Amino acid sequence: MNTLRNSVRLVGNLGMDPEVKTFDTNKKLARLSIATNDSYKNDKGERITDTQWHNLVFWGAQAKLAEDFLKKGDEVAIEGKISNRSYVDKDGVKRYTNEIVVNEFLKITGKISNQ
């Protein structure tokens, strides 16, 4: 049961190309966002789509793979854990954010480029 603790699995579409940062130690960090959709019918019978956005963080080898293979619009499946953290922005205001630290991902579809 320990593997079920703080475990997240999502399938959705990427909302951006990876933003990659390389540190002095050559360790990489990639940030992305993923949109997940849920559809239902309201009282009038109209189909409503609810889109949720999630921030993703990739480290090390996963960040390198994300940088090389993932692009905006790709459909991906991810597995990771939720991380909550705070930081101070450029104006000195303390901010809070929730992220999913990705352990594994699978690219399901993507646009084929002729370049």
Protein backbone atom coordinates (compact mmCIF):
# COMPACT_ATOMS: atom_id res chain seq x y z
CA MET A 1 0.00 0.00 0.00
CA ASN A 2 2.95 2.37 0.36
CA THR A 3 3.07 2.77 -3.41
CA LEU A 4 -0.43 4.27 -3.33
CA ARG A 5 0.56 7.11 -1.01
CA ASN A 6 0.89 10.45 -2.77
CA SER A 7 0.56 8.87 -6.20
CA VAL A 8 -0.91 10.74 -9.16
CA ARG A 9 -1.69 9.47 -12.65
CA LEU A 10 -3.02 11.78 -15.35
CA VAL A 11 -3.69 11.65 -19.07
CA GLY A 12 -4.02 14.93 -20.91
CA ASN A 13 -2.59 17.38 -23.42
CA LEU A 14 0.45 19.57 -22.90
CA GLY A 15 -0.27 23.28 -22.84
CA MET A 16 3.28 24.40 -23.58
CA ASP A 17 6.70 23.31 -24.78
CA PRO A 18 9.07 22.33 -21.96
CA GLU A 19 10.81 25.16 -20.11
CA VAL A 20 14.21 23.68 -19.32
CA LYS A 21 16.83 24.91 -16.88
CA THR A 22 20.29 23.34 -16.58
CA PHE A 23 22.13 23.78 -13.28
CA ASP A 24 25.91 24.05 -12.74
CA THR A 25 26.03 20.32 -12.00
CA ASN A 26 24.45 19.62 -15.45
CA LYS A 27 21.28 18.46 -13.67
CA LYS A 28 18.18 19.46 -15.67
CA LEU A 29 14.78 20.71 -14.60
CA ALA A 30 11.86 20.85 -17.05
CA ARG A 31 8.50 22.49 -16.37
CA LEU A 32 5.31 21.86 -18.32
CA SER A 33 1.57 22.17 -17.88
CA ILE A 34 -1.02 19.52 -18.72
CA ALA A 35 -4.74 19.95 -19.31
CA THR A 36 -7.19 17.25 -18.27
CA ASN A 37 -10.81 17.34 -19.41
CA ASP A 38 -13.96 16.01 -17.82
CA SER A 39 -17.30 16.14 -19.67
CA TYR A 40 -20.83 15.95 -18.39
CA LYS A 41 -24.36 17.00 -19.36
CA ASN A 42 -26.03 19.82 -17.46
CA ASP A 43 -29.73 20.07 -16.55
CA LYS A 44 -30.55 21.32 -20.07
CA GLY A 45 -28.83 18.32 -21.68
CA GLU A 46 -25.93 20.44 -22.94
CA ARG A 47 -22.50 18.83 -22.96
CA ILE A 48 -20.12 20.73 -20.68
CA THR A 49 -16.35 20.23 -20.69
CA ASP A 50 -14.45 21.13 -17.54
CA THR A 51 -10.70 21.63 -18.09
CA GLN A 52 -8.24 21.46 -15.18
CA TRP A 53 -4.62 22.59 -15.53
CA HIS A 54 -1.78 20.92 -13.63
CA ASN A 55 1.85 22.02 -13.31
CA LEU A 56 4.42 19.31 -14.02
CA VAL A 57 8.07 19.15 -12.93
CA PHE A 58 10.61 16.76 -14.44
CA TRP A 59 14.14 16.25 -13.03
CA GLY A 60 17.33 14.70 -14.38
CA ALA A 61 16.97 12.09 -17.12
CA GLN A 62 13.19 12.60 -17.25
CA ALA A 63 13.76 16.33 -17.86
CA LYS A 64 16.14 15.54 -20.74
CA LEU A 65 13.59 13.16 -22.31
CA ALA A 66 10.84 15.75 -21.90
CA GLU A 67 13.05 18.38 -23.55
CA ASP A 68 13.86 16.08 -26.48
CA PHE A 69 10.45 14.51 -27.13
CA LEU A 70 7.57 16.57 -25.71
CA LYS A 71 5.89 19.53 -27.41
CA LYS A 72 2.79 21.64 -26.86
CA GLY A 73 -0.35 19.72 -27.82
CA ASP A 74 1.10 16.23 -27.26
CA GLU A 75 -1.14 13.79 -25.42
CA VAL A 76 0.76 12.20 -22.55
CA ALA A 77 0.20 9.91 -19.59
CA ILE A 78 2.18 10.80 -16.47
CA GLU A 79 2.78 9.22 -13.09
CA GLY A 80 4.21 11.15 -10.18
CA LYS A 81 3.56 12.70 -6.79
CA ILE A 82 2.04 15.96 -5.58
CA SER A 83 4.43 18.52 -4.18
CA ASN A 84 3.38 21.70 -2.36
CA ARG A 85 5.92 24.48 -1.97
CA SER A 86 6.22 28.19 -1.35
CA TYR A 87 8.51 30.83 -2.79
CA VAL A 88 8.98 34.60 -2.68
CA ASP A 89 8.26 36.34 -5.98
CA LYS A 90 10.19 39.29 -7.43
CA ASP A 91 7.96 41.74 -5.53
CA GLY A 92 8.71 40.06 -2.20
CA VAL A 93 5.29 38.38 -1.92
CA LYS A 94 5.18 34.83 -0.59
CA ARG A 95 3.41 32.54 -3.09
CA TYR A 96 2.26 28.94 -2.83
CA THR A 97 2.13 26.41 -5.63
CA ASN A 98 1.14 22.79 -6.20
CA GLU A 99 3.09 20.71 -8.69
CA ILE A 100 3.27 17.13 -9.83
CA VAL A 101 6.83 15.79 -9.75
CA VAL A 102 6.85 13.33 -12.64
CA ASN A 103 8.47 9.92 -12.16
CA GLU A 104 7.43 8.43 -15.51
CA PHE A 105 5.67 9.57 -18.65
CA LEU A 106 4.42 8.07 -21.89
CA LYS A 107 3.85 10.11 -25.04
CA ILE A 108 0.57 8.86 -26.49
CA THR A 109 0.25 11.08 -29.57
CA GLY A 110 1.94 14.06 -31.07
CA LYS A 111 2.10 16.12 -34.18
CA ILE A 112 4.47 14.73 -36.80
CA SER A 113 6.91 17.34 -38.05
CA ASN A 114 8.49 17.33 -41.53
CA GLN A 115 11.42 19.44 -40.36
